[in-house]
N, C-alpha and C. Protein backbone atom coordinates (compact mmCIF):
# COMPACT_ATOMS: atom_id res chain seq x y z
N UNK A 1 -7.27 1.70 4.37
CA UNK A 1 -6.83 2.97 3.82
C UNK A 1 -6.93 2.90 2.30
N UNK A 2 -7.75 3.73 1.74
CA UNK A 2 -7.82 3.84 0.29
C UNK A 2 -7.26 5.19 -0.12
N UNK A 3 -6.87 5.30 -1.36
CA UNK A 3 -6.21 6.50 -1.84
C UNK A 3 -7.00 7.23 -2.93
N UNK A 4 -8.31 7.08 -2.96
CA UNK A 4 -9.10 7.74 -4.00
C UNK A 4 -9.07 9.26 -3.86
N UNK A 5 -9.25 9.80 -2.66
CA UNK A 5 -9.24 11.24 -2.48
C UNK A 5 -7.87 11.80 -2.84
N UNK A 6 -6.82 11.14 -2.38
CA UNK A 6 -5.46 11.60 -2.67
C UNK A 6 -5.18 11.55 -4.17
N UNK A 7 -5.66 10.52 -4.83
CA UNK A 7 -5.45 10.38 -6.27
C UNK A 7 -6.13 11.51 -7.04
N UNK A 8 -7.30 11.92 -6.59
CA UNK A 8 -8.05 12.97 -7.28
C UNK A 8 -7.53 14.37 -6.97
N UNK A 9 -6.94 14.59 -5.80
CA UNK A 9 -6.59 15.94 -5.36
C UNK A 9 -5.09 16.23 -5.31
N UNK A 10 -4.26 15.30 -5.68
CA UNK A 10 -2.82 15.57 -5.63
C UNK A 10 -2.13 14.97 -6.85
N UNK A 11 -1.04 15.58 -7.22
CA UNK A 11 -0.29 15.10 -8.38
C UNK A 11 0.71 14.02 -7.98
N UNK A 12 1.20 14.08 -6.74
CA UNK A 12 2.25 13.17 -6.30
C UNK A 12 2.00 12.76 -4.86
N UNK A 13 2.35 11.52 -4.54
CA UNK A 13 2.34 11.06 -3.16
C UNK A 13 3.76 10.61 -2.84
N UNK A 14 4.36 11.24 -1.85
CA UNK A 14 5.71 10.88 -1.42
C UNK A 14 5.59 10.25 -0.04
N UNK A 15 5.91 8.98 0.05
CA UNK A 15 5.84 8.27 1.32
C UNK A 15 7.24 7.84 1.71
N UNK A 16 7.61 8.14 2.93
CA UNK A 16 8.93 7.77 3.41
C UNK A 16 8.78 6.91 4.65
N UNK A 17 9.62 5.89 4.74
CA UNK A 17 9.60 4.97 5.87
C UNK A 17 10.98 4.92 6.49
N UNK A 18 11.02 4.65 7.77
CA UNK A 18 12.26 4.42 8.51
C UNK A 18 13.25 5.57 8.32
N UNK A 19 12.79 6.78 8.60
CA UNK A 19 13.65 7.94 8.45
C UNK A 19 14.79 7.95 9.46
N UNK A 20 15.94 8.40 9.00
CA UNK A 20 17.10 8.51 9.87
C UNK A 20 17.65 9.93 9.78
N UNK A 21 18.91 10.12 10.02
CA UNK A 21 19.46 11.47 10.16
C UNK A 21 19.42 12.28 8.86
N UNK A 22 19.55 11.67 7.71
CA UNK A 22 19.57 12.40 6.44
C UNK A 22 18.22 12.41 5.73
N UNK A 23 17.18 11.91 6.38
CA UNK A 23 15.88 11.83 5.72
C UNK A 23 15.36 13.20 5.31
N UNK A 24 15.51 14.19 6.17
CA UNK A 24 15.04 15.54 5.84
C UNK A 24 15.70 16.10 4.61
N UNK A 25 17.01 15.89 4.49
CA UNK A 25 17.74 16.38 3.31
C UNK A 25 17.28 15.67 2.03
N UNK A 26 17.06 14.37 2.14
CA UNK A 26 16.63 13.60 0.97
C UNK A 26 15.23 14.02 0.53
N UNK A 27 14.32 14.21 1.48
CA UNK A 27 12.97 14.65 1.14
C UNK A 27 13.01 16.03 0.49
N UNK A 28 13.84 16.92 1.01
CA UNK A 28 13.97 18.25 0.41
C UNK A 28 14.50 18.17 -1.02
N UNK A 29 15.47 17.30 -1.28
CA UNK A 29 16.00 17.13 -2.64
C UNK A 29 14.93 16.62 -3.59
N UNK A 30 14.08 15.72 -3.12
CA UNK A 30 13.00 15.21 -3.96
C UNK A 30 11.98 16.31 -4.23
N UNK A 31 11.58 17.04 -3.18
CA UNK A 31 10.55 18.07 -3.34
C UNK A 31 11.01 19.22 -4.23
N UNK A 32 12.29 19.56 -4.21
CA UNK A 32 12.79 20.67 -5.01
C UNK A 32 13.33 20.22 -6.37
N UNK A 33 13.20 18.94 -6.70
CA UNK A 33 13.59 18.46 -8.02
C UNK A 33 15.07 18.20 -8.21
N UNK A 34 15.84 18.19 -7.14
CA UNK A 34 17.27 17.91 -7.26
C UNK A 34 17.50 16.42 -7.52
N UNK A 35 16.65 15.58 -6.94
CA UNK A 35 16.75 14.14 -7.11
C UNK A 35 15.41 13.60 -7.58
N UNK A 36 15.42 12.70 -8.54
CA UNK A 36 14.21 12.10 -9.06
C UNK A 36 14.18 10.63 -8.64
N UNK A 37 13.37 10.28 -7.64
CA UNK A 37 13.35 8.89 -7.20
C UNK A 37 12.65 8.01 -8.24
N UNK A 38 13.18 6.84 -8.41
CA UNK A 38 12.57 5.88 -9.33
C UNK A 38 12.66 4.50 -8.69
N UNK A 39 11.61 3.76 -8.81
CA UNK A 39 11.61 2.42 -8.25
C UNK A 39 10.20 1.86 -8.24
N UNK A 40 10.09 0.65 -7.77
CA UNK A 40 8.80 -0.02 -7.69
C UNK A 40 8.48 -0.28 -6.23
N UNK A 41 7.20 -0.21 -5.92
CA UNK A 41 6.77 -0.49 -4.56
C UNK A 41 6.74 -1.99 -4.31
N UNK A 42 7.07 -2.37 -3.11
CA UNK A 42 7.00 -3.78 -2.74
C UNK A 42 5.64 -4.14 -2.18
N UNK A 43 4.78 -3.15 -2.02
CA UNK A 43 3.43 -3.38 -1.52
C UNK A 43 2.43 -2.68 -2.44
N UNK A 44 1.17 -2.98 -2.25
CA UNK A 44 0.11 -2.38 -3.06
C UNK A 44 -0.81 -1.58 -2.17
N UNK A 45 -1.18 -0.39 -2.60
CA UNK A 45 -2.15 0.42 -1.89
C UNK A 45 -3.49 0.33 -2.61
N UNK A 46 -4.57 -0.04 -1.93
CA UNK A 46 -5.86 -0.19 -2.59
C UNK A 46 -6.45 1.15 -2.98
N UNK A 47 -7.16 1.18 -4.12
CA UNK A 47 -7.84 2.40 -4.56
C UNK A 47 -9.28 2.42 -4.07
N UNK A 48 -9.90 1.25 -3.86
CA UNK A 48 -11.29 1.17 -3.44
C UNK A 48 -11.40 0.28 -2.21
N UNK A 49 -12.43 0.50 -1.41
CA UNK A 49 -12.64 -0.29 -0.21
C UNK A 49 -12.89 -1.76 -0.56
N UNK A 50 -13.46 -2.03 -1.72
CA UNK A 50 -13.73 -3.40 -2.13
C UNK A 50 -12.48 -4.24 -2.34
N UNK A 51 -11.32 -3.62 -2.43
CA UNK A 51 -10.07 -4.35 -2.60
C UNK A 51 -9.45 -4.75 -1.26
N UNK A 52 -10.06 -4.36 -0.16
CA UNK A 52 -9.52 -4.65 1.17
C UNK A 52 -10.24 -5.87 1.72
N UNK A 53 -9.67 -6.81 2.38
CA UNK A 53 -8.25 -6.94 2.68
C UNK A 53 -7.48 -7.54 1.51
N UNK A 54 -6.22 -7.19 1.43
CA UNK A 54 -5.34 -7.73 0.40
C UNK A 54 -4.57 -8.90 1.00
N UNK A 55 -4.59 -10.02 0.32
CA UNK A 55 -3.83 -11.19 0.75
C UNK A 55 -2.88 -11.56 -0.37
N UNK A 56 -1.61 -11.53 -0.10
CA UNK A 56 -0.63 -11.88 -1.12
C UNK A 56 -0.40 -13.38 -1.18
N UNK A 57 -0.61 -14.08 -0.07
CA UNK A 57 -0.34 -15.51 -0.05
C UNK A 57 -1.63 -16.33 0.00
N UNK A 58 -2.74 -15.74 -0.42
CA UNK A 58 -4.04 -16.41 -0.37
C UNK A 58 -4.48 -16.76 -1.78
N UNK A 59 -4.73 -18.02 -2.02
CA UNK A 59 -5.22 -18.44 -3.33
C UNK A 59 -6.71 -18.18 -3.41
N UNK A 60 -7.12 -17.34 -4.33
CA UNK A 60 -8.52 -16.96 -4.47
C UNK A 60 -9.28 -18.05 -5.20
N UNK A 61 -10.33 -18.57 -4.58
CA UNK A 61 -11.13 -19.62 -5.19
C UNK A 61 -12.42 -19.10 -5.79
N UNK A 62 -12.79 -17.86 -5.47
CA UNK A 62 -14.04 -17.31 -5.95
C UNK A 62 -15.22 -17.63 -5.05
N UNK A 63 -15.01 -18.47 -4.05
CA UNK A 63 -16.08 -18.81 -3.12
C UNK A 63 -16.08 -17.83 -1.96
N UNK A 64 -17.26 -17.54 -1.42
CA UNK A 64 -17.29 -16.65 -0.24
C UNK A 64 -16.69 -17.34 0.98
N UNK A 65 -16.16 -16.55 1.89
CA UNK A 65 -15.55 -17.07 3.09
C UNK A 65 -16.61 -17.66 4.01
N UNK A 66 -16.40 -18.87 4.50
CA UNK A 66 -17.32 -19.54 5.42
C UNK A 66 -16.59 -19.78 6.74
N UNK A 67 -16.88 -18.98 7.79
CA UNK A 67 -16.15 -19.14 9.05
C UNK A 67 -16.35 -20.50 9.69
N UNK A 68 -17.50 -21.13 9.51
CA UNK A 68 -17.73 -22.45 10.11
C UNK A 68 -16.79 -23.48 9.50
N UNK A 69 -16.56 -23.41 8.21
CA UNK A 69 -15.65 -24.34 7.55
C UNK A 69 -14.21 -24.10 7.99
N UNK A 70 -13.85 -22.86 8.19
CA UNK A 70 -12.49 -22.53 8.61
C UNK A 70 -12.21 -23.08 10.01
N UNK A 71 -13.17 -22.97 10.92
CA UNK A 71 -12.98 -23.45 12.29
C UNK A 71 -12.90 -24.98 12.32
N UNK A 72 -13.69 -25.66 11.49
CA UNK A 72 -13.71 -27.12 11.49
C UNK A 72 -12.36 -27.72 11.11
N UNK A 73 -11.57 -27.02 10.33
CA UNK A 73 -10.28 -27.56 9.90
C UNK A 73 -9.33 -27.74 11.06
N UNK A 74 -9.50 -26.97 12.13
CA UNK A 74 -8.55 -27.00 13.23
C UNK A 74 -9.06 -27.73 14.46
N UNK A 75 -10.16 -28.46 14.36
CA UNK A 75 -10.68 -29.22 15.50
C UNK A 75 -10.04 -30.57 15.58
């Protein structure tokens, strides 16, 4: 999932997770400007397909992935 189209065609992206009973009221307050949410995301959304897959715990070596070498480690 990339967000290039959304970035070009919308001013704001509001994403809500794990909605419960008051989620509708909270979303309405945000949309009508009663509440201004502020915070940082704990995840990253890629802008381009070249950024996928994202690995947070993978040390990048700059070498291309070699499936034969990966399989040999577990034999």
